[in-house]
All heavy atoms as atom14 arrays in JSON, in Angstrom:
{
  "sequence": "HAQNVVVTGKVLEIETAKPIEGATVSVKNGIQKVNTNVGGVFTIAAAK",
  "atom14_mask": [
    [1, 1, 1, 1, 1, 1, 1, 1, 1, 1, 0, 0, 0, 0],
    [1, 1, 1, 1, 1, 0, 0, 0, 0, 0, 0, 0, 0, 0],
    [1, 1, 1, 1, 1, 1, 1, 1, 1, 0, 0, 0, 0, 0],
    [1, 1, 1, 1, 1, 1, 1, 1, 0, 0, 0, 0, 0, 0],
    [1, 1, 1, 1, 1, 1, 1, 0, 0, 0, 0, 0, 0, 0],
    [1, 1, 1, 1, 1, 1, 1, 0, 0, 0, 0, 0, 0, 0],
    [1, 1, 1, 1, 1, 1, 1, 0, 0, 0, 0, 0, 0, 0],
    [1, 1, 1, 1, 1, 1, 1, 0, 0, 0, 0, 0, 0, 0],
    [1, 1, 1, 1, 0, 0, 0, 0, 0, 0, 0, 0, 0, 0],
    [1, 1, 1, 1, 1, 1, 1, 1, 1, 0, 0, 0, 0, 0],
    [1, 1, 1, 1, 1, 1, 1, 0, 0, 0, 0, 0, 0, 0],
    [1, 1, 1, 1, 1, 1, 1, 1, 0, 0, 0, 0, 0, 0],
    [1, 1, 1, 1, 1, 1, 1, 1, 1, 0, 0, 0, 0, 0],
    [1, 1, 1, 1, 1, 1, 1, 1, 0, 0, 0, 0, 0, 0],
    [1, 1, 1, 1, 1, 1, 1, 1, 1, 0, 0, 0, 0, 0],
    [1, 1, 1, 1, 1, 1, 1, 0, 0, 0, 0, 0, 0, 0],
    [1, 1, 1, 1, 1, 0, 0, 0, 0, 0, 0, 0, 0, 0],
    [1, 1, 1, 1, 1, 1, 1, 1, 1, 0, 0, 0, 0, 0],
    [1, 1, 1, 1, 1, 1, 1, 0, 0, 0, 0, 0, 0, 0],
    [1, 1, 1, 1, 1, 1, 1, 1, 0, 0, 0, 0, 0, 0],
    [1, 1, 1, 1, 1, 1, 1, 1, 1, 0, 0, 0, 0, 0],
    [1, 1, 1, 1, 0, 0, 0, 0, 0, 0, 0, 0, 0, 0],
    [1, 1, 1, 1, 1, 0, 0, 0, 0, 0, 0, 0, 0, 0],
    [1, 1, 1, 1, 1, 1, 1, 0, 0, 0, 0, 0, 0, 0],
    [1, 1, 1, 1, 1, 1, 1, 0, 0, 0, 0, 0, 0, 0],
    [1, 1, 1, 1, 1, 1, 0, 0, 0, 0, 0, 0, 0, 0],
    [1, 1, 1, 1, 1, 1, 1, 0, 0, 0, 0, 0, 0, 0],
    [1, 1, 1, 1, 1, 1, 1, 1, 1, 0, 0, 0, 0, 0],
    [1, 1, 1, 1, 1, 1, 1, 1, 0, 0, 0, 0, 0, 0],
    [1, 1, 1, 1, 0, 0, 0, 0, 0, 0, 0, 0, 0, 0],
    [1, 1, 1, 1, 1, 1, 1, 1, 0, 0, 0, 0, 0, 0],
    [1, 1, 1, 1, 1, 1, 1, 1, 1, 0, 0, 0, 0, 0],
    [1, 1, 1, 1, 1, 1, 1, 1, 1, 0, 0, 0, 0, 0],
    [1, 1, 1, 1, 1, 1, 1, 0, 0, 0, 0, 0, 0, 0],
    [1, 1, 1, 1, 1, 1, 1, 1, 0, 0, 0, 0, 0, 0],
    [1, 1, 1, 1, 1, 1, 1, 0, 0, 0, 0, 0, 0, 0],
    [1, 1, 1, 1, 1, 1, 1, 1, 0, 0, 0, 0, 0, 0],
    [1, 1, 1, 1, 1, 1, 1, 0, 0, 0, 0, 0, 0, 0],
    [1, 1, 1, 1, 0, 0, 0, 0, 0, 0, 0, 0, 0, 0],
    [1, 1, 1, 1, 0, 0, 0, 0, 0, 0, 0, 0, 0, 0],
    [1, 1, 1, 1, 1, 1, 1, 0, 0, 0, 0, 0, 0, 0],
    [1, 1, 1, 1, 1, 1, 1, 1, 1, 1, 1, 0, 0, 0],
    [1, 1, 1, 1, 1, 1, 1, 0, 0, 0, 0, 0, 0, 0],
    [1, 1, 1, 1, 1, 1, 1, 1, 0, 0, 0, 0, 0, 0],
    [1, 1, 1, 1, 1, 0, 0, 0, 0, 0, 0, 0, 0, 0],
    [1, 1, 1, 1, 1, 0, 0, 0, 0, 0, 0, 0, 0, 0],
    [1, 1, 1, 1, 1, 0, 0, 0, 0, 0, 0, 0, 0, 0],
    [1, 1, 1, 1, 1, 1, 1, 1, 1, 0, 0, 0, 0, 0]
  ],
  "atom14_positions": [
    [[1.75, -14.33, 7.29], [1.0, -14.33, 8.64], [1.93, -13.83, 9.74], [1.43, -13.23, 10.66], [0.5, -15.72, 8.77], [-0.37, -15.77, 10.04], [-1.54, -15.13, 10.22], [-0.2, -16.36, 11.28], [-2.0, -15.28, 11.45], [-1.21, -16.14, 12.07], [0.0, 0.0, 0.0], [0.0, 0.0, 0.0], [0.0, 0.0, 0.0], [0.0, 0.0, 0.0]],
    [[3.18, -14.25, 9.8], [4.07, -14.0, 10.88], [4.42, -12.41, 11.08], [4.74, -12.06, 12.19], [5.39, -14.75, 10.83], [0.0, 0.0, 0.0], [0.0, 0.0, 0.0], [0.0, 0.0, 0.0], [0.0, 0.0, 0.0], [0.0, 0.0, 0.0], [0.0, 0.0, 0.0], [0.0, 0.0, 0.0], [0.0, 0.0, 0.0], [0.0, 0.0, 0.0]],
    [[4.2, -11.67, 9.95], [4.51, -10.26, 10.09], [3.41, -9.52, 10.69], [3.62, -8.34, 11.09], [4.78, -9.71, 8.67], [6.07, -10.32, 8.11], [6.46, -9.85, 6.75], [5.65, -9.27, 6.02], [7.63, -10.2, 6.27], [0.0, 0.0, 0.0], [0.0, 0.0, 0.0], [0.0, 0.0, 0.0], [0.0, 0.0, 0.0], [0.0, 0.0, 0.0]],
    [[2.17, -10.0, 10.75], [1.14, -9.27, 11.41], [1.19, -9.29, 12.92], [1.77, -10.23, 13.5], [-0.26, -9.82, 11.05], [-0.6, -9.5, 9.56], [-0.16, -8.35, 9.12], [-1.45, -10.14, 8.91], [0.0, 0.0, 0.0], [0.0, 0.0, 0.0], [0.0, 0.0, 0.0], [0.0, 0.0, 0.0], [0.0, 0.0, 0.0], [0.0, 0.0, 0.0]],
    [[0.87, -8.19, 13.61], [0.94, -8.12, 15.05], [-0.35, -7.45, 15.49], [-0.89, -6.51, 14.72], [2.21, -7.38, 15.39], [2.23, -5.93, 14.98], [2.3, -7.37, 16.95], [0.0, 0.0, 0.0], [0.0, 0.0, 0.0], [0.0, 0.0, 0.0], [0.0, 0.0, 0.0], [0.0, 0.0, 0.0], [0.0, 0.0, 0.0], [0.0, 0.0, 0.0]],
    [[-0.84, -7.78, 16.69], [-1.93, -7.21, 17.33], [-1.39, -5.94, 18.12], [-0.62, -6.25, 19.09], [-2.83, -8.11, 18.13], [-4.01, -7.36, 18.87], [-3.47, -9.21, 17.26], [0.0, 0.0, 0.0], [0.0, 0.0, 0.0], [0.0, 0.0, 0.0], [0.0, 0.0, 0.0], [0.0, 0.0, 0.0], [0.0, 0.0, 0.0], [0.0, 0.0, 0.0]],
    [[-1.78, -4.71, 17.82], [-1.28, -3.58, 18.48], [-2.29, -3.07, 19.53], [-3.39, -2.91, 19.06], [-0.88, -2.47, 17.52], [-0.35, -1.29, 18.25], [0.1, -2.98, 16.44], [0.0, 0.0, 0.0], [0.0, 0.0, 0.0], [0.0, 0.0, 0.0], [0.0, 0.0, 0.0], [0.0, 0.0, 0.0], [0.0, 0.0, 0.0], [0.0, 0.0, 0.0]],
    [[-1.85, -2.92, 20.67], [-2.74, -2.3, 21.72], [-2.06, -0.95, 22.13], [-0.76, -0.96, 22.26], [-2.76, -3.13, 22.99], [-3.37, -4.52, 22.51], [-3.64, -2.53, 23.99], [0.0, 0.0, 0.0], [0.0, 0.0, 0.0], [0.0, 0.0, 0.0], [0.0, 0.0, 0.0], [0.0, 0.0, 0.0], [0.0, 0.0, 0.0], [0.0, 0.0, 0.0]],
    [[-2.8, 0.0, 22.17], [-2.19, 1.35, 22.56], [-3.07, 2.27, 23.27], [-4.39, 1.86, 23.51], [0.0, 0.0, 0.0], [0.0, 0.0, 0.0], [0.0, 0.0, 0.0], [0.0, 0.0, 0.0], [0.0, 0.0, 0.0], [0.0, 0.0, 0.0], [0.0, 0.0, 0.0], [0.0, 0.0, 0.0], [0.0, 0.0, 0.0], [0.0, 0.0, 0.0]],
    [[-2.64, 3.31, 23.56], [-3.45, 4.36, 24.35], [-3.17, 5.68, 23.73], [-1.96, 6.03, 23.39], [-2.98, 4.3, 25.85], [-3.78, 5.12, 26.74], [-3.57, 4.83, 28.2], [-4.65, 5.35, 29.16], [-4.45, 5.01, 30.43], [0.0, 0.0, 0.0], [0.0, 0.0, 0.0], [0.0, 0.0, 0.0], [0.0, 0.0, 0.0], [0.0, 0.0, 0.0]],
    [[-4.28, 6.55, 23.48], [-4.12, 7.77, 22.92], [-4.42, 8.8, 24.04], [-5.35, 8.82, 24.66], [-5.1, 8.03, 21.75], [-5.01, 9.44, 21.18], [-4.91, 6.99, 20.64], [0.0, 0.0, 0.0], [0.0, 0.0, 0.0], [0.0, 0.0, 0.0], [0.0, 0.0, 0.0], [0.0, 0.0, 0.0], [0.0, 0.0, 0.0], [0.0, 0.0, 0.0]],
    [[-3.37, 9.71, 24.2], [-3.42, 10.7, 25.21], [-3.24, 12.08, 24.68], [-2.66, 12.35, 23.66], [-2.25, 10.48, 26.33], [-2.18, 9.03, 26.89], [-0.79, 8.95, 27.66], [-3.32, 8.86, 27.75], [0.0, 0.0, 0.0], [0.0, 0.0, 0.0], [0.0, 0.0, 0.0], [0.0, 0.0, 0.0], [0.0, 0.0, 0.0], [0.0, 0.0, 0.0]],
    [[-3.85, 13.07, 25.45], [-3.58, 14.47, 25.17], [-2.29, 14.85, 25.66], [-1.87, 14.53, 26.86], [-4.69, 15.37, 25.91], [-4.98, 16.58, 25.21], [-4.18, 17.73, 25.78], [-3.53, 17.63, 26.81], [-4.14, 18.82, 25.11], [0.0, 0.0, 0.0], [0.0, 0.0, 0.0], [0.0, 0.0, 0.0], [0.0, 0.0, 0.0], [0.0, 0.0, 0.0]],
    [[-1.41, 15.46, 24.89], [-0.07, 15.74, 25.21], [0.3, 16.62, 26.31], [1.13, 16.49, 27.12], [0.79, 16.21, 23.88], [2.28, 16.09, 24.16], [0.39, 17.71, 23.58], [3.19, 16.19, 22.87], [0.0, 0.0, 0.0], [0.0, 0.0, 0.0], [0.0, 0.0, 0.0], [0.0, 0.0, 0.0], [0.0, 0.0, 0.0], [0.0, 0.0, 0.0]],
    [[-0.59, 17.59, 26.5], [-0.37, 18.71, 27.63], [-0.92, 18.22, 28.97], [-0.22, 18.41, 29.97], [-1.13, 19.88, 27.13], [-0.55, 20.55, 26.03], [-1.23, 21.81, 25.56], [-2.39, 22.15, 26.2], [-0.86, 22.43, 24.51], [0.0, 0.0, 0.0], [0.0, 0.0, 0.0], [0.0, 0.0, 0.0], [0.0, 0.0, 0.0], [0.0, 0.0, 0.0]],
    [[-1.98, 17.37, 28.99], [-2.46, 16.97, 30.3], [-2.31, 15.47, 30.6], [-2.66, 15.04, 31.64], [-4.0, 17.26, 30.34], [-4.79, 16.48, 29.29], [-4.23, 18.74, 30.16], [0.0, 0.0, 0.0], [0.0, 0.0, 0.0], [0.0, 0.0, 0.0], [0.0, 0.0, 0.0], [0.0, 0.0, 0.0], [0.0, 0.0, 0.0], [0.0, 0.0, 0.0]],
    [[-1.94, 14.66, 29.55], [-1.83, 13.2, 29.66], [-3.19, 12.56, 29.88], [-3.25, 11.39, 30.39], [-0.79, 12.78, 30.6], [0.0, 0.0, 0.0], [0.0, 0.0, 0.0], [0.0, 0.0, 0.0], [0.0, 0.0, 0.0], [0.0, 0.0, 0.0], [0.0, 0.0, 0.0], [0.0, 0.0, 0.0], [0.0, 0.0, 0.0], [0.0, 0.0, 0.0]],
    [[-4.34, 13.25, 29.59], [-5.62, 12.64, 29.71], [-5.91, 11.77, 28.5], [-5.6, 12.1, 27.42], [-6.7, 13.69, 30.0], [-6.56, 14.35, 31.21], [-7.73, 15.38, 31.43], [-7.69, 16.04, 32.73], [-8.76, 17.09, 32.86], [0.0, 0.0, 0.0], [0.0, 0.0, 0.0], [0.0, 0.0, 0.0], [0.0, 0.0, 0.0], [0.0, 0.0, 0.0]],
    [[-6.68, 10.74, 28.71], [-7.01, 9.83, 27.6], [-8.01, 10.55, 26.68], [-8.76, 11.25, 27.1], [-7.51, 8.58, 28.29], [-7.97, 8.92, 29.62], [-7.01, 10.07, 30.05], [0.0, 0.0, 0.0], [0.0, 0.0, 0.0], [0.0, 0.0, 0.0], [0.0, 0.0, 0.0], [0.0, 0.0, 0.0], [0.0, 0.0, 0.0], [0.0, 0.0, 0.0]],
    [[-7.96, 10.19, 25.41], [-8.82, 10.78, 24.42], [-9.76, 9.73, 23.87], [-9.32, 8.69, 23.26], [-8.03, 11.32, 23.23], [-7.1, 12.48, 23.81], [-8.97, 11.89, 22.26], [-6.16, 13.08, 22.68], [0.0, 0.0, 0.0], [0.0, 0.0, 0.0], [0.0, 0.0, 0.0], [0.0, 0.0, 0.0], [0.0, 0.0, 0.0], [0.0, 0.0, 0.0]],
    [[-11.03, 9.83, 24.3], [-12.0, 8.99, 23.84], [-12.52, 9.22, 22.45], [-12.63, 10.49, 22.06], [-13.2, 9.02, 24.83], [-14.34, 8.15, 24.39], [-15.59, 8.28, 25.34], [-15.58, 9.13, 26.26], [-16.55, 7.53, 25.25], [0.0, 0.0, 0.0], [0.0, 0.0, 0.0], [0.0, 0.0, 0.0], [0.0, 0.0, 0.0], [0.0, 0.0, 0.0]],
    [[-12.79, 8.17, 21.62], [-13.43, 8.49, 20.33], [-12.4, 8.86, 19.22], [-12.78, 9.05, 18.13], [0.0, 0.0, 0.0], [0.0, 0.0, 0.0], [0.0, 0.0, 0.0], [0.0, 0.0, 0.0], [0.0, 0.0, 0.0], [0.0, 0.0, 0.0], [0.0, 0.0, 0.0], [0.0, 0.0, 0.0], [0.0, 0.0, 0.0], [0.0, 0.0, 0.0]],
    [[-11.1, 8.63, 19.51], [-10.16, 8.99, 18.4], [-10.2, 7.82, 17.42], [-10.45, 6.58, 17.85], [-8.77, 9.05, 18.98], [0.0, 0.0, 0.0], [0.0, 0.0, 0.0], [0.0, 0.0, 0.0], [0.0, 0.0, 0.0], [0.0, 0.0, 0.0], [0.0, 0.0, 0.0], [0.0, 0.0, 0.0], [0.0, 0.0, 0.0], [0.0, 0.0, 0.0]],
    [[-10.05, 8.04, 16.08], [-10.05, 6.94, 15.15], [-8.71, 6.56, 14.94], [-7.76, 7.41, 14.65], [-10.67, 7.46, 13.81], [-12.0, 7.77, 14.22], [-10.68, 6.46, 12.74], [0.0, 0.0, 0.0], [0.0, 0.0, 0.0], [0.0, 0.0, 0.0], [0.0, 0.0, 0.0], [0.0, 0.0, 0.0], [0.0, 0.0, 0.0], [0.0, 0.0, 0.0]],
    [[-8.35, 5.29, 14.97], [-7.02, 4.68, 14.63], [-7.28, 3.81, 13.47], [-7.99, 2.86, 13.51], [-6.49, 3.91, 15.9], [-5.11, 3.27, 15.57], [-6.47, 4.65, 17.04], [0.0, 0.0, 0.0], [0.0, 0.0, 0.0], [0.0, 0.0, 0.0], [0.0, 0.0, 0.0], [0.0, 0.0, 0.0], [0.0, 0.0, 0.0], [0.0, 0.0, 0.0]],
    [[-6.51, 4.06, 12.39], [-6.6, 3.2, 11.19], [-5.27, 2.81, 10.64], [-4.2, 3.58, 10.85], [-7.38, 3.97, 10.06], [-6.8, 5.16, 9.77], [0.0, 0.0, 0.0], [0.0, 0.0, 0.0], [0.0, 0.0, 0.0], [0.0, 0.0, 0.0], [0.0, 0.0, 0.0], [0.0, 0.0, 0.0], [0.0, 0.0, 0.0], [0.0, 0.0, 0.0]],
    [[-5.14, 1.71, 9.88], [-3.96, 1.4, 9.29], [-3.81, 2.13, 7.94], [-4.76, 2.13, 7.11], [-3.94, -0.12, 8.99], [-2.63, -0.59, 8.19], [-4.12, -1.05, 10.17], [0.0, 0.0, 0.0], [0.0, 0.0, 0.0], [0.0, 0.0, 0.0], [0.0, 0.0, 0.0], [0.0, 0.0, 0.0], [0.0, 0.0, 0.0], [0.0, 0.0, 0.0]],
    [[-2.68, 2.83, 7.76], [-2.59, 3.69, 6.52], [-2.74, 2.8, 5.29], [-2.18, 1.74, 5.26], [-1.26, 4.42, 6.57], [-1.09, 5.39, 5.46], [0.15, 6.27, 5.56], [0.28, 7.22, 4.4], [1.56, 7.97, 4.49], [0.0, 0.0, 0.0], [0.0, 0.0, 0.0], [0.0, 0.0, 0.0], [0.0, 0.0, 0.0], [0.0, 0.0, 0.0]],
    [[-3.51, 3.15, 4.33], [-3.74, 2.51, 3.04], [-4.4, 1.14, 3.3], [-4.31, 0.18, 2.52], [-2.42, 2.31, 2.25], [-1.88, 3.63, 1.88], [-2.5, 4.68, 1.67], [-0.46, 3.68, 1.85], [0.0, 0.0, 0.0], [0.0, 0.0, 0.0], [0.0, 0.0, 0.0], [0.0, 0.0, 0.0], [0.0, 0.0, 0.0], [0.0, 0.0, 0.0]],
    [[-5.1, 1.12, 4.4], [-5.84, -0.25, 4.67], [-7.27, 0.11, 5.02], [-7.76, 1.22, 4.88], [0.0, 0.0, 0.0], [0.0, 0.0, 0.0], [0.0, 0.0, 0.0], [0.0, 0.0, 0.0], [0.0, 0.0, 0.0], [0.0, 0.0, 0.0], [0.0, 0.0, 0.0], [0.0, 0.0, 0.0], [0.0, 0.0, 0.0], [0.0, 0.0, 0.0]],
    [[-8.08, -0.91, 5.35], [-9.49, -0.76, 5.54], [-9.9, -0.77, 7.01], [-10.91, -0.27, 7.51], [-10.33, -1.81, 4.86], [-9.44, -2.94, 4.37], [-11.13, -1.2, 3.82], [-10.39, -4.03, 3.75], [0.0, 0.0, 0.0], [0.0, 0.0, 0.0], [0.0, 0.0, 0.0], [0.0, 0.0, 0.0], [0.0, 0.0, 0.0], [0.0, 0.0, 0.0]],
    [[-9.05, -1.36, 7.88], [-9.45, -1.57, 9.24], [-9.31, -0.22, 10.09], [-8.31, 0.44, 9.93], [-8.53, -2.55, 9.86], [-8.95, -2.95, 11.32], [-8.23, -4.08, 11.87], [-7.2, -4.49, 11.41], [-8.65, -4.55, 13.13], [0.0, 0.0, 0.0], [0.0, 0.0, 0.0], [0.0, 0.0, 0.0], [0.0, 0.0, 0.0], [0.0, 0.0, 0.0]],
    [[-10.41, 0.06, 10.78], [-10.41, 1.27, 11.67], [-11.01, 0.88, 12.91], [-11.93, 0.07, 13.0], [-11.24, 2.32, 10.97], [-10.76, 3.0, 9.75], [-11.65, 4.09, 9.26], [-11.08, 4.65, 8.01], [-11.91, 5.77, 7.57], [0.0, 0.0, 0.0], [0.0, 0.0, 0.0], [0.0, 0.0, 0.0], [0.0, 0.0, 0.0], [0.0, 0.0, 0.0]],
    [[-10.49, 1.46, 14.0], [-11.07, 1.3, 15.33], [-11.17, 2.64, 15.95], [-10.54, 3.62, 15.61], [-10.3, 0.27, 16.17], [-10.34, -1.05, 15.6], [-8.89, 0.66, 16.47], [0.0, 0.0, 0.0], [0.0, 0.0, 0.0], [0.0, 0.0, 0.0], [0.0, 0.0, 0.0], [0.0, 0.0, 0.0], [0.0, 0.0, 0.0], [0.0, 0.0, 0.0]],
    [[-12.04, 2.7, 17.09], [-11.99, 3.92, 17.94], [-11.54, 3.63, 19.33], [-11.7, 2.55, 19.8], [-13.51, 4.48, 17.95], [-13.97, 4.99, 16.69], [-13.18, 5.59, 15.86], [-15.21, 4.72, 16.4], [0.0, 0.0, 0.0], [0.0, 0.0, 0.0], [0.0, 0.0, 0.0], [0.0, 0.0, 0.0], [0.0, 0.0, 0.0], [0.0, 0.0, 0.0]],
    [[-10.95, 4.6, 19.87], [-10.52, 4.51, 21.35], [-11.66, 4.42, 22.23], [-12.76, 5.06, 21.98], [-9.57, 5.61, 21.72], [-10.19, 6.8, 21.6], [-8.28, 5.56, 20.86], [0.0, 0.0, 0.0], [0.0, 0.0, 0.0], [0.0, 0.0, 0.0], [0.0, 0.0, 0.0], [0.0, 0.0, 0.0], [0.0, 0.0, 0.0], [0.0, 0.0, 0.0]],
    [[-11.53, 3.78, 23.35], [-12.72, 3.68, 24.36], [-12.54, 4.9, 25.37], [-11.75, 5.76, 25.15], [-12.67, 2.38, 25.13], [-11.43, 2.09, 25.94], [-10.58, 2.95, 26.21], [-11.21, 0.88, 26.3], [0.0, 0.0, 0.0], [0.0, 0.0, 0.0], [0.0, 0.0, 0.0], [0.0, 0.0, 0.0], [0.0, 0.0, 0.0], [0.0, 0.0, 0.0]],
    [[-13.3, 4.85, 26.43], [-13.28, 5.9, 27.4], [-11.82, 6.15, 28.08], [-11.51, 7.2, 28.26], [-14.22, 5.53, 28.6], [-14.15, 6.55, 29.64], [-15.66, 5.46, 27.99], [0.0, 0.0, 0.0], [0.0, 0.0, 0.0], [0.0, 0.0, 0.0], [0.0, 0.0, 0.0], [0.0, 0.0, 0.0], [0.0, 0.0, 0.0], [0.0, 0.0, 0.0]],
    [[-11.05, 5.04, 28.15], [-9.67, 5.18, 28.61], [-8.65, 5.56, 27.64], [-7.5, 5.52, 27.87], [0.0, 0.0, 0.0], [0.0, 0.0, 0.0], [0.0, 0.0, 0.0], [0.0, 0.0, 0.0], [0.0, 0.0, 0.0], [0.0, 0.0, 0.0], [0.0, 0.0, 0.0], [0.0, 0.0, 0.0], [0.0, 0.0, 0.0], [0.0, 0.0, 0.0]],
    [[-9.15, 5.89, 26.36], [-8.17, 6.14, 25.24], [-7.57, 4.91, 24.67], [-6.44, 5.04, 23.95], [0.0, 0.0, 0.0], [0.0, 0.0, 0.0], [0.0, 0.0, 0.0], [0.0, 0.0, 0.0], [0.0, 0.0, 0.0], [0.0, 0.0, 0.0], [0.0, 0.0, 0.0], [0.0, 0.0, 0.0], [0.0, 0.0, 0.0], [0.0, 0.0, 0.0]],
    [[-8.04, 3.76, 24.99], [-7.31, 2.45, 24.59], [-7.97, 1.89, 23.45], [-9.11, 2.03, 23.06], [-7.39, 1.43, 25.75], [-6.84, 0.1, 25.32], [-6.75, 1.92, 27.0], [0.0, 0.0, 0.0], [0.0, 0.0, 0.0], [0.0, 0.0, 0.0], [0.0, 0.0, 0.0], [0.0, 0.0, 0.0], [0.0, 0.0, 0.0], [0.0, 0.0, 0.0]],
    [[-7.02, 1.33, 22.43], [-7.46, 0.77, 21.23], [-6.71, -0.53, 21.03], [-5.62, -0.73, 21.61], [-7.27, 1.66, 20.14], [-5.78, 1.94, 19.71], [-5.16, 1.11, 18.76], [-5.17, 2.89, 20.29], [-3.75, 1.43, 18.56], [-3.78, 3.2, 19.96], [-3.18, 2.46, 19.16], [0.0, 0.0, 0.0], [0.0, 0.0, 0.0], [0.0, 0.0, 0.0]],
    [[-7.28, -1.51, 20.16], [-6.54, -2.68, 19.63], [-6.87, -2.74, 18.29], [-7.99, -2.72, 17.8], [-7.07, -3.8, 20.51], [-6.89, -3.66, 21.89], [-6.39, -5.12, 19.98], [0.0, 0.0, 0.0], [0.0, 0.0, 0.0], [0.0, 0.0, 0.0], [0.0, 0.0, 0.0], [0.0, 0.0, 0.0], [0.0, 0.0, 0.0], [0.0, 0.0, 0.0]],
    [[-5.79, -3.02, 17.46], [-5.84, -3.17, 16.04], [-4.85, -4.04, 15.43], [-3.64, -4.09, 16.02], [-5.79, -1.78, 15.33], [-6.23, -1.8, 13.8], [-4.46, -1.13, 15.53], [-6.39, -0.38, 13.23], [0.0, 0.0, 0.0], [0.0, 0.0, 0.0], [0.0, 0.0, 0.0], [0.0, 0.0, 0.0], [0.0, 0.0, 0.0], [0.0, 0.0, 0.0]],
    [[-5.16, -4.91, 14.41], [-4.15, -5.75, 13.84], [-3.5, -4.96, 12.67], [-4.18, -4.23, 11.88], [-4.8, -6.96, 13.19], [0.0, 0.0, 0.0], [0.0, 0.0, 0.0], [0.0, 0.0, 0.0], [0.0, 0.0, 0.0], [0.0, 0.0, 0.0], [0.0, 0.0, 0.0], [0.0, 0.0, 0.0], [0.0, 0.0, 0.0], [0.0, 0.0, 0.0]],
    [[-2.19, -5.04, 12.64], [-1.46, -4.43, 11.58], [-0.1, -5.05, 11.31], [0.35, -5.86, 12.09], [-1.09, -2.86, 12.07], [0.0, 0.0, 0.0], [0.0, 0.0, 0.0], [0.0, 0.0, 0.0], [0.0, 0.0, 0.0], [0.0, 0.0, 0.0], [0.0, 0.0, 0.0], [0.0, 0.0, 0.0], [0.0, 0.0, 0.0], [0.0, 0.0, 0.0]],
    [[0.37, -4.92, 10.03], [1.63, -5.44, 9.77], [2.73, -4.67, 10.42], [2.76, -3.41, 10.45], [1.85, -5.48, 8.24], [0.0, 0.0, 0.0], [0.0, 0.0, 0.0], [0.0, 0.0, 0.0], [0.0, 0.0, 0.0], [0.0, 0.0, 0.0], [0.0, 0.0, 0.0], [0.0, 0.0, 0.0], [0.0, 0.0, 0.0], [0.0, 0.0, 0.0]],
    [[3.78, -5.32, 10.8], [4.95, -4.72, 11.36], [5.57, -3.76, 10.33], [5.73, -4.22, 9.21], [5.99, -5.65, 11.88], [6.39, -5.46, 13.27], [7.36, -6.47, 13.82], [7.55, -6.27, 15.23], [8.37, -7.18, 15.91], [0.0, 0.0, 0.0], [0.0, 0.0, 0.0], [0.0, 0.0, 0.0], [0.0, 0.0, 0.0], [0.0, 0.0, 0.0]]
  ]
}
């Protein structure tokens, strides 16, 4: 249980630094998936 962490992040376009809405963020080889909001922000639980 101690190895899991709640990750909050932001997905941006590299050239303009604008947030990307609707990007899918998933844990590799896992089932949990979330989408970024209007500001490009997501929150997901993942193992360190």
